[in-house]
Amino acid sequence: MARPPSDTAIAAHLQHEDNLSTLHSLEASSTSPPPQSSSFPPPPASASPASPASTNPLLQRKKLTKAKPSGAKGKKKGAAAAKTPAVAATIEQVKQSELDLISTGQATGEDGTEVLDLADLLLEQMGPDDGAEGQEEIQKSTNGDGEAKDESTFSAVKDKIKESLSPTPPEEKKVSRQQARKLKKASHFDAMRASAQAEVEAANDNSIKEEAADIEKGCVKLGVKLKEIDPDGHCLYSAIADQANALGLTLTQRKETYSSTRYYAAHYMRGHPDDFLPFLPSEDESGDGIMTPAEYEKYCATVESTAEWGGMPEINALSKYFKSPIWVLQAGTDLVKVGDEWEGTGRGPMLISYHRKMYGLGEHYNSLRK
């Protein structure tokens, strides 16, 4: 029987996820207004599981530094140039953190390589001389007391620095990549819902309305309201993460996400195979119907690393991990209560709803808030 993951293993995994998230945030901040401070904040002390890591092929040279706002007066003229060393120092800290995980065997080669490659790419795109040019030009335009030699000369130098550091003209305000991704995601889900709704209505099928009415009655009885979760394949894990955050059931210092709850479910299942194998059929019809160890490991890897939908086995695993009951509201039946052994402990229950037809997209879970 596989042993459950140790606290050290979980902390190492979360540290790796946060290293990756920190590097992504540097790229995302390149198109946002620069902070008032001239230094970039240090990386978090502990890690937060984040969305599945994605590569960043769109990084462009000089997008990690920003021109000083044109209306700012009385601030140090070297502020823009001072950002680059601070950003580079943050990247080096993240890189060293990942190297420490790899050297102690707490991060796999593939995971570690992903962070190290991204860190090297960011440093390469920044270039050895980024930011220095702006400082040098400002120094050339001032005398020893820091006063401008000539107003027109300084103005020309300032315009040159702004032009070289700004990715777009000052008068143009573009939506950041992160904002664009959120808008695209929201638009995608809205389109999916609208399409599914149209199909149901075209078929003159009233079952979606009947299910919604039953769910609403159940919500009134429980004194809760439905909080919609994106139907992106991670809905069960996002709903449980929302409940853990709302009820203060997190076992770490960080906010739970679908990524972290997938990790917890998969690792609990790996450590307790006898609790789950009897309920997971094998794909091999020639055998006894029970998953082989290889099939079970593949199943756990799917839970952890893909957008595959979750169900009762994963709900059971998460109930045991968080030591909290999980109640599932669904149409046409009583509450499904998982984790009765945790009732009366003061933890939970977590409340989620299960929908078969509400979105016309198949099975779906939402979170229920008081």
Protein backbone atom coordinates (compact mmCIF):
# COMPACT_ATOMS: atom_id res chain seq x y z
CA MET A 1 0.00 0.00 0.00
CA ALA A 2 1.37 3.41 -0.94
CA ARG A 3 2.05 5.80 1.95
CA PRO A 4 0.23 9.16 2.10
CA PRO A 5 2.36 12.17 1.23
CA SER A 6 4.27 13.78 4.08
CA ASP A 7 3.88 17.41 5.09
CA THR A 8 7.32 18.03 3.58
CA ALA A 9 6.24 16.59 0.22
CA ILE A 10 3.09 18.71 0.15
CA ALA A 11 5.04 21.84 1.12
CA ALA A 12 7.59 21.14 -1.61
CA HIS A 13 4.85 20.71 -4.22
CA LEU A 14 3.19 23.96 -3.17
CA GLN A 15 6.58 25.76 -3.20
CA HIS A 16 7.14 24.56 -6.77
CA GLU A 17 3.68 25.79 -7.82
CA ASP A 18 4.31 29.19 -6.20
CA ASN A 19 7.71 29.53 -7.89
CA LEU A 20 5.97 29.04 -11.23
CA SER A 21 3.16 31.44 -10.27
CA THR A 22 5.67 34.14 -9.25
CA LEU A 23 7.39 33.99 -12.64
CA HIS A 24 4.03 34.20 -14.44
CA SER A 25 3.07 37.25 -12.35
CA LEU A 26 6.21 39.07 -13.50
CA GLU A 27 5.16 38.67 -17.12
CA ALA A 28 1.57 39.67 -16.33
CA SER A 29 2.70 42.84 -14.50
CA SER A 30 4.63 44.00 -17.55
CA THR A 31 1.47 45.39 -19.11
CA SER A 32 0.04 46.82 -15.85
CA PRO A 33 0.83 50.28 -14.34
CA PRO A 34 4.10 50.04 -12.37
CA PRO A 35 3.91 50.05 -8.55
CA GLN A 36 4.88 53.18 -6.63
CA SER A 37 7.80 51.42 -5.01
CA SER A 38 11.01 51.24 -7.02
CA SER A 39 11.63 47.64 -5.98
CA PHE A 40 9.78 44.48 -6.87
CA PRO A 41 8.29 42.54 -3.89
CA PRO A 42 10.14 39.43 -2.76
CA PRO A 43 8.61 36.03 -3.55
CA PRO A 44 6.11 34.62 -1.01
CA ALA A 45 7.53 32.65 1.90
CA SER A 46 5.27 29.68 1.22
CA ALA A 47 3.79 28.35 -1.95
CA SER A 48 0.27 28.49 -3.30
CA PRO A 49 -1.04 25.91 -5.76
CA ALA A 50 -2.10 27.62 -8.81
CA SER A 51 -3.61 27.03 -12.08
CA PRO A 52 -1.87 24.39 -14.26
CA ALA A 53 1.36 25.79 -15.47
CA SER A 54 1.53 27.23 -18.95
CA THR A 55 4.47 28.28 -21.03
CA ASN A 56 5.08 31.90 -21.88
CA PRO A 57 6.28 32.15 -25.51
CA LEU A 58 5.03 35.73 -25.83
CA LEU A 59 7.58 37.35 -23.52
CA GLN A 60 9.18 40.26 -25.31
CA ARG A 61 12.35 42.17 -24.58
CA LYS A 62 11.96 45.19 -22.28
CA LYS A 63 8.40 44.34 -21.22
CA LEU A 64 9.47 43.72 -17.64
CA THR A 65 10.30 47.41 -17.09
CA LYS A 66 8.04 50.37 -17.47
CA ALA A 67 8.55 54.03 -18.23
CA LYS A 68 7.99 56.44 -15.38
CA PRO A 69 4.51 58.08 -15.73
CA SER A 70 4.84 61.34 -17.64
CA GLY A 71 2.93 63.36 -15.03
CA ALA A 72 5.05 62.30 -12.06
CA LYS A 73 7.29 65.10 -10.78
CA GLY A 74 9.76 65.34 -7.96
CA LYS A 75 10.56 61.62 -7.96
CA LYS A 76 13.99 60.17 -8.56
CA LYS A 77 14.73 60.09 -12.26
CA GLY A 78 16.49 56.73 -11.89
CA ALA A 79 13.34 54.92 -10.68
CA ALA A 80 12.62 53.26 -14.01
CA ALA A 81 16.18 52.03 -14.29
CA ALA A 82 16.16 50.76 -10.71
CA LYS A 83 13.35 48.29 -11.40
CA THR A 84 15.34 45.95 -13.58
CA PRO A 85 17.90 44.82 -10.93
CA ALA A 86 15.07 44.27 -8.44
CA VAL A 87 13.09 42.13 -10.89
CA ALA A 88 16.23 40.19 -11.80
CA ALA A 89 16.91 39.60 -8.09
CA THR A 90 13.39 38.22 -7.62
CA ILE A 91 13.83 35.85 -10.57
CA GLU A 92 17.17 34.66 -9.17
CA GLN A 93 15.52 34.01 -5.77
CA VAL A 94 12.81 31.91 -7.41
CA LYS A 95 15.43 30.07 -9.47
CA GLN A 96 17.50 29.29 -6.36
CA SER A 97 14.38 28.11 -4.52
CA GLU A 98 13.64 25.62 -7.31
CA LEU A 99 17.27 24.46 -7.41
CA ASP A 100 17.05 23.74 -3.67
CA LEU A 101 13.92 21.60 -4.24
CA ILE A 102 15.62 19.66 -7.03
CA SER A 103 18.87 19.15 -5.10
CA THR A 104 16.96 17.65 -2.13
CA GLY A 105 14.89 15.41 -4.38
CA GLN A 106 11.63 17.19 -3.55
CA ALA A 107 10.92 18.25 -7.14
CA THR A 108 10.99 16.09 -10.24
CA GLY A 109 13.37 16.90 -13.04
CA GLU A 110 10.51 17.77 -15.40
CA ASP A 111 8.83 20.17 -12.93
CA GLY A 112 12.10 21.79 -11.96
CA THR A 113 13.18 22.21 -15.56
CA GLU A 114 9.95 24.04 -16.33
CA VAL A 115 10.63 26.68 -13.65
CA LEU A 116 14.35 26.98 -14.43
CA ASP A 117 13.73 27.33 -18.17
CA LEU A 118 11.14 30.05 -17.59
CA ALA A 119 13.45 31.92 -15.19
CA ASP A 120 16.32 31.80 -17.71
CA LEU A 121 13.97 32.99 -20.45
CA LEU A 122 12.85 35.97 -18.38
CA LEU A 123 16.44 36.93 -17.57
CA GLU A 124 17.43 36.55 -21.21
CA GLN A 125 14.54 38.72 -22.41
CA MET A 126 15.47 41.43 -19.90
CA GLY A 127 18.98 41.60 -21.37
CA PRO A 128 22.16 42.63 -19.56
CA ASP A 129 21.75 46.33 -20.29
CA ASP A 130 18.00 46.90 -19.84
CA GLY A 131 17.33 49.84 -17.54
CA ALA A 132 20.97 50.99 -17.59
CA GLU A 133 20.45 53.04 -20.73
CA GLY A 134 17.75 55.15 -19.10
CA GLN A 135 19.90 55.88 -16.05
CA GLU A 136 22.91 56.75 -18.20
CA GLU A 137 20.91 59.17 -20.35
CA ILE A 138 19.50 60.94 -17.31
CA GLN A 139 22.97 61.35 -15.82
CA LYS A 140 24.22 62.84 -19.06
CA SER A 141 21.46 65.45 -19.03
CA THR A 142 22.15 66.71 -15.48
CA ASN A 143 25.04 68.49 -13.79
CA GLY A 144 26.78 67.43 -10.60
CA ASP A 145 23.98 68.85 -8.40
CA GLY A 146 21.36 66.76 -10.17
CA GLU A 147 19.82 69.79 -11.91
CA ALA A 148 18.97 69.76 -15.61
CA LYS A 149 21.65 71.34 -17.80
CA ASP A 150 19.08 72.40 -20.33
CA GLU A 151 15.31 71.99 -20.18
CA SER A 152 14.95 71.13 -23.85
CA THR A 153 17.81 68.61 -23.68
CA PHE A 154 16.34 66.90 -20.64
CA SER A 155 12.88 66.82 -22.24
CA ALA A 156 14.31 65.18 -25.35
CA VAL A 157 16.18 62.58 -23.26
CA LYS A 158 13.05 61.88 -21.20
CA ASP A 159 10.99 61.35 -24.35
CA LYS A 160 13.68 59.01 -25.72
CA ILE A 161 13.69 56.93 -22.53
CA LYS A 162 9.89 56.75 -22.49
CA GLU A 163 9.83 55.67 -26.12
CA SER A 164 12.45 52.94 -25.59
CA LEU A 165 10.84 51.48 -22.45
CA SER A 166 7.12 51.78 -23.22
CA PRO A 167 5.66 48.79 -25.14
CA THR A 168 2.88 51.04 -26.50
CA PRO A 169 2.44 54.81 -26.96
CA PRO A 170 1.37 56.49 -23.67
CA GLU A 171 -1.98 57.54 -25.08
CA GLU A 172 -2.92 53.96 -25.98
CA LYS A 173 -4.39 51.83 -23.21
CA LYS A 174 -4.33 48.16 -24.06
CA VAL A 175 -5.97 45.35 -22.13
CA SER A 176 -3.34 43.25 -20.34
CA ARG A 177 -2.81 39.62 -21.32
CA GLN A 178 -4.26 38.49 -18.00
CA GLN A 179 -7.37 40.64 -18.45
CA ALA A 180 -7.73 39.43 -22.04
CA ARG A 181 -7.54 35.80 -20.91
CA LYS A 182 -10.22 36.38 -18.26
CA LEU A 183 -12.50 38.14 -20.75
CA LYS A 184 -11.98 35.37 -23.29
CA LYS A 185 -12.68 32.69 -20.69
CA ALA A 186 -15.85 34.44 -19.49
CA SER A 187 -17.04 34.91 -23.05
CA HIS A 188 -16.34 31.25 -23.83
CA PHE A 189 -18.38 29.99 -20.87
CA ASP A 190 -21.23 32.41 -21.61
CA ALA A 191 -21.33 31.14 -25.18
CA MET A 192 -21.37 27.51 -23.98
CA ARG A 193 -24.25 28.19 -21.61
CA ALA A 194 -26.22 30.11 -24.24
CA SER A 195 -25.71 27.36 -26.80
CA ALA A 196 -26.75 24.61 -24.38
CA GLN A 197 -29.79 26.60 -23.27
CA ALA A 198 -30.84 27.15 -26.90
CA GLU A 199 -30.54 23.42 -27.66
CA VAL A 200 -32.71 22.49 -24.70
CA GLU A 201 -35.35 25.07 -25.51
CA ALA A 202 -35.36 24.04 -29.18
CA ALA A 203 -36.11 20.47 -28.14
CA ASN A 204 -38.97 21.73 -25.96
CA ASP A 205 -37.34 20.04 -22.98
CA ASN A 206 -38.52 21.45 -19.64
CA SER A 207 -36.29 19.21 -17.53
CA ILE A 208 -33.68 21.94 -17.08
CA LYS A 209 -36.28 24.25 -15.53
CA GLU A 210 -37.61 21.47 -13.31
CA GLU A 211 -34.13 20.65 -12.03
CA ALA A 212 -33.38 24.33 -11.37
CA ALA A 213 -36.65 24.65 -9.42
CA ASP A 214 -35.83 21.60 -7.27
CA ILE A 215 -32.34 22.91 -6.55
CA GLU A 216 -33.78 26.30 -5.60
CA LYS A 217 -36.21 24.67 -3.15
CA GLY A 218 -33.32 22.77 -1.58
CA CYS A 219 -31.29 25.97 -1.23
CA VAL A 220 -34.18 27.70 0.55
CA LYS A 221 -34.52 24.76 2.94
CA LEU A 222 -30.80 24.85 3.77
CA GLY A 223 -30.68 28.64 3.97
CA VAL A 224 -28.03 28.92 1.28
CA LYS A 225 -27.62 30.53 -2.12
CA LEU A 226 -26.01 29.02 -5.18
CA LYS A 227 -22.59 30.32 -6.22
CA GLU A 228 -21.93 29.39 -9.84
CA ILE A 229 -18.67 27.65 -10.68
CA ASP A 230 -17.18 27.72 -14.18
CA PRO A 231 -18.04 24.51 -16.13
CA ASP A 232 -14.44 23.92 -17.14
CA GLY A 233 -13.91 20.32 -16.00
CA HIS A 234 -12.57 21.48 -12.62
CA CYS A 235 -16.02 22.38 -11.20
CA LEU A 236 -16.06 19.82 -8.37
CA TYR A 237 -12.58 20.80 -7.19
CA SER A 238 -13.32 24.54 -7.51
CA ALA A 239 -16.54 24.13 -5.52
CA ILE A 240 -14.73 22.27 -2.71
CA ALA A 241 -11.93 24.88 -2.74
CA ASP A 242 -14.56 27.65 -2.44
CA GLN A 243 -16.15 25.88 0.53
CA ALA A 244 -12.81 25.30 2.26
CA ASN A 245 -11.91 28.99 1.91
CA ALA A 246 -15.35 30.23 3.00
CA LEU A 247 -15.51 27.96 6.06
CA GLY A 248 -11.86 28.39 7.10
CA LEU A 249 -11.06 24.71 6.64
CA THR A 250 -7.76 25.19 4.83
CA LEU A 251 -4.87 23.23 6.32
CA THR A 252 -2.22 25.60 4.93
CA GLN A 253 -1.68 29.36 5.04
CA ARG A 254 -2.73 29.78 1.44
CA LYS A 255 -6.03 30.06 -0.41
CA GLU A 256 -7.26 26.78 -1.88
CA THR A 257 -7.81 26.42 -5.65
CA TYR A 258 -8.93 23.60 -7.93
CA SER A 259 -5.25 22.80 -8.43
CA SER A 260 -4.64 22.25 -4.71
CA THR A 261 -7.81 20.22 -4.16
CA ARG A 262 -6.95 18.00 -7.13
CA TYR A 263 -3.53 17.45 -5.56
CA TYR A 264 -5.03 16.55 -2.15
CA ALA A 265 -7.57 14.13 -3.64
CA ALA A 266 -5.00 12.33 -5.80
CA HIS A 267 -2.45 11.93 -3.00
CA TYR A 268 -5.01 10.74 -0.47
CA MET A 269 -6.22 8.15 -2.97
CA ARG A 270 -2.67 7.02 -3.67
CA GLY A 271 -2.13 6.50 0.06
CA HIS A 272 -5.39 4.59 0.61
CA PRO A 273 -6.01 2.41 -2.46
CA ASP A 274 -8.10 -0.17 -0.56
CA ASP A 275 -10.71 2.52 0.16
CA PHE A 276 -11.26 3.24 -3.52
CA LEU A 277 -10.25 0.27 -5.73
CA PRO A 278 -13.49 -1.69 -5.16
CA PHE A 279 -15.48 1.21 -6.62
CA LEU A 280 -13.32 1.86 -9.69
CA PRO A 281 -13.91 -0.59 -12.57
CA SER A 282 -11.06 -1.75 -14.72
CA GLU A 283 -10.98 -0.95 -18.42
CA ASP A 284 -9.66 -4.46 -19.08
CA GLU A 285 -12.75 -6.62 -19.59
CA SER A 286 -10.70 -9.83 -19.55
CA GLY A 287 -9.73 -9.44 -15.88
CA ASP A 288 -11.69 -9.59 -12.61
CA GLY A 289 -13.09 -6.10 -13.09
CA ILE A 290 -10.81 -4.45 -10.52
CA MET A 291 -8.16 -1.95 -11.53
CA THR A 292 -4.58 -3.09 -11.61
CA PRO A 293 -1.97 -1.05 -9.68
CA ALA A 294 -0.85 0.51 -12.97
CA GLU A 295 -4.43 1.47 -13.88
CA TYR A 296 -5.01 2.91 -10.42
CA GLU A 297 -1.87 5.07 -10.62
CA LYS A 298 -2.98 6.30 -14.04
CA TYR A 299 -6.37 7.17 -12.55
CA CYS A 300 -4.77 9.14 -9.70
CA ALA A 301 -2.52 10.99 -12.16
CA THR A 302 -5.62 11.93 -14.17
CA VAL A 303 -7.28 13.30 -11.03
CA GLU A 304 -4.21 15.37 -10.20
CA SER A 305 -3.09 16.73 -13.55
CA THR A 306 -6.00 16.95 -16.01
CA ALA A 307 -9.41 18.62 -16.35
CA GLU A 308 -11.22 15.27 -16.03
CA TRP A 309 -14.49 15.58 -14.08
CA GLY A 310 -14.58 14.41 -10.48
CA GLY A 311 -17.21 12.29 -8.76
CA MET A 312 -18.00 10.41 -5.56
CA PRO A 313 -14.55 8.78 -5.08
CA GLU A 314 -12.92 12.22 -5.17
CA ILE A 315 -15.59 13.73 -2.89
CA ASN A 316 -14.90 10.95 -0.39
CA ALA A 317 -11.13 11.55 -0.59
CA LEU A 318 -11.51 15.32 -0.06
CA SER A 319 -13.88 14.78 2.89
CA LYS A 320 -11.23 12.67 4.58
CA TYR A 321 -8.42 15.09 3.71
CA PHE A 322 -10.23 18.17 5.10
CA LYS A 323 -11.77 16.13 7.96
CA SER A 324 -15.15 17.60 7.14
CA PRO A 325 -18.53 16.26 6.00
CA ILE A 326 -19.51 17.13 2.43
CA TRP A 327 -23.22 17.43 1.65
CA VAL A 328 -24.36 17.23 -1.97
CA LEU A 329 -27.68 18.79 -2.94
CA GLN A 330 -29.30 17.43 -6.11
CA ALA A 331 -32.76 17.42 -7.69
CA GLY A 332 -35.22 14.63 -7.00
CA THR A 333 -33.52 13.06 -3.98
CA ASP A 334 -32.44 13.73 -0.41
CA LEU A 335 -29.11 15.26 0.52
CA VAL A 336 -26.17 12.95 -0.13
CA LYS A 337 -23.98 13.12 2.95
CA VAL A 338 -20.34 12.04 2.72
CA GLY A 339 -18.03 11.87 5.74
CA ASP A 340 -20.53 11.33 8.55
CA GLU A 341 -17.64 10.50 10.89
CA TRP A 342 -16.65 14.19 10.91
CA GLU A 343 -20.08 15.49 11.99
CA GLY A 344 -20.01 17.23 15.36
CA THR A 345 -16.34 18.14 15.07
CA GLY A 346 -17.03 21.77 14.22
CA ARG A 347 -15.57 21.41 10.74
CA GLY A 348 -18.10 21.95 7.99
CA PRO A 349 -20.22 20.64 6.52
CA MET A 350 -19.16 21.70 3.05
CA LEU A 351 -22.22 22.28 0.87
CA ILE A 352 -22.19 21.77 -2.90
CA SER A 353 -24.87 21.13 -5.53
CA TYR A 354 -24.89 18.54 -8.30
CA HIS A 355 -26.60 19.31 -11.61
CA ARG A 356 -27.34 16.84 -14.41
CA LYS A 357 -28.98 19.18 -16.93
CA MET A 358 -28.82 22.74 -15.62
CA TYR A 359 -26.16 23.82 -18.09
CA GLY A 360 -26.90 21.33 -20.83
CA LEU A 361 -23.21 20.35 -20.63
CA GLY A 362 -23.44 17.18 -18.59
CA GLU A 363 -22.66 16.76 -14.89
CA HIS A 364 -21.74 19.93 -13.01
CA TYR A 365 -21.09 21.08 -9.42
CA ASN A 366 -21.67 24.46 -7.80
CA SER A 367 -20.84 25.81 -4.35
CA LEU A 368 -23.58 26.70 -1.85
CA ARG A 369 -22.93 29.71 0.39
CA LYS A 370 -24.80 30.72 3.53
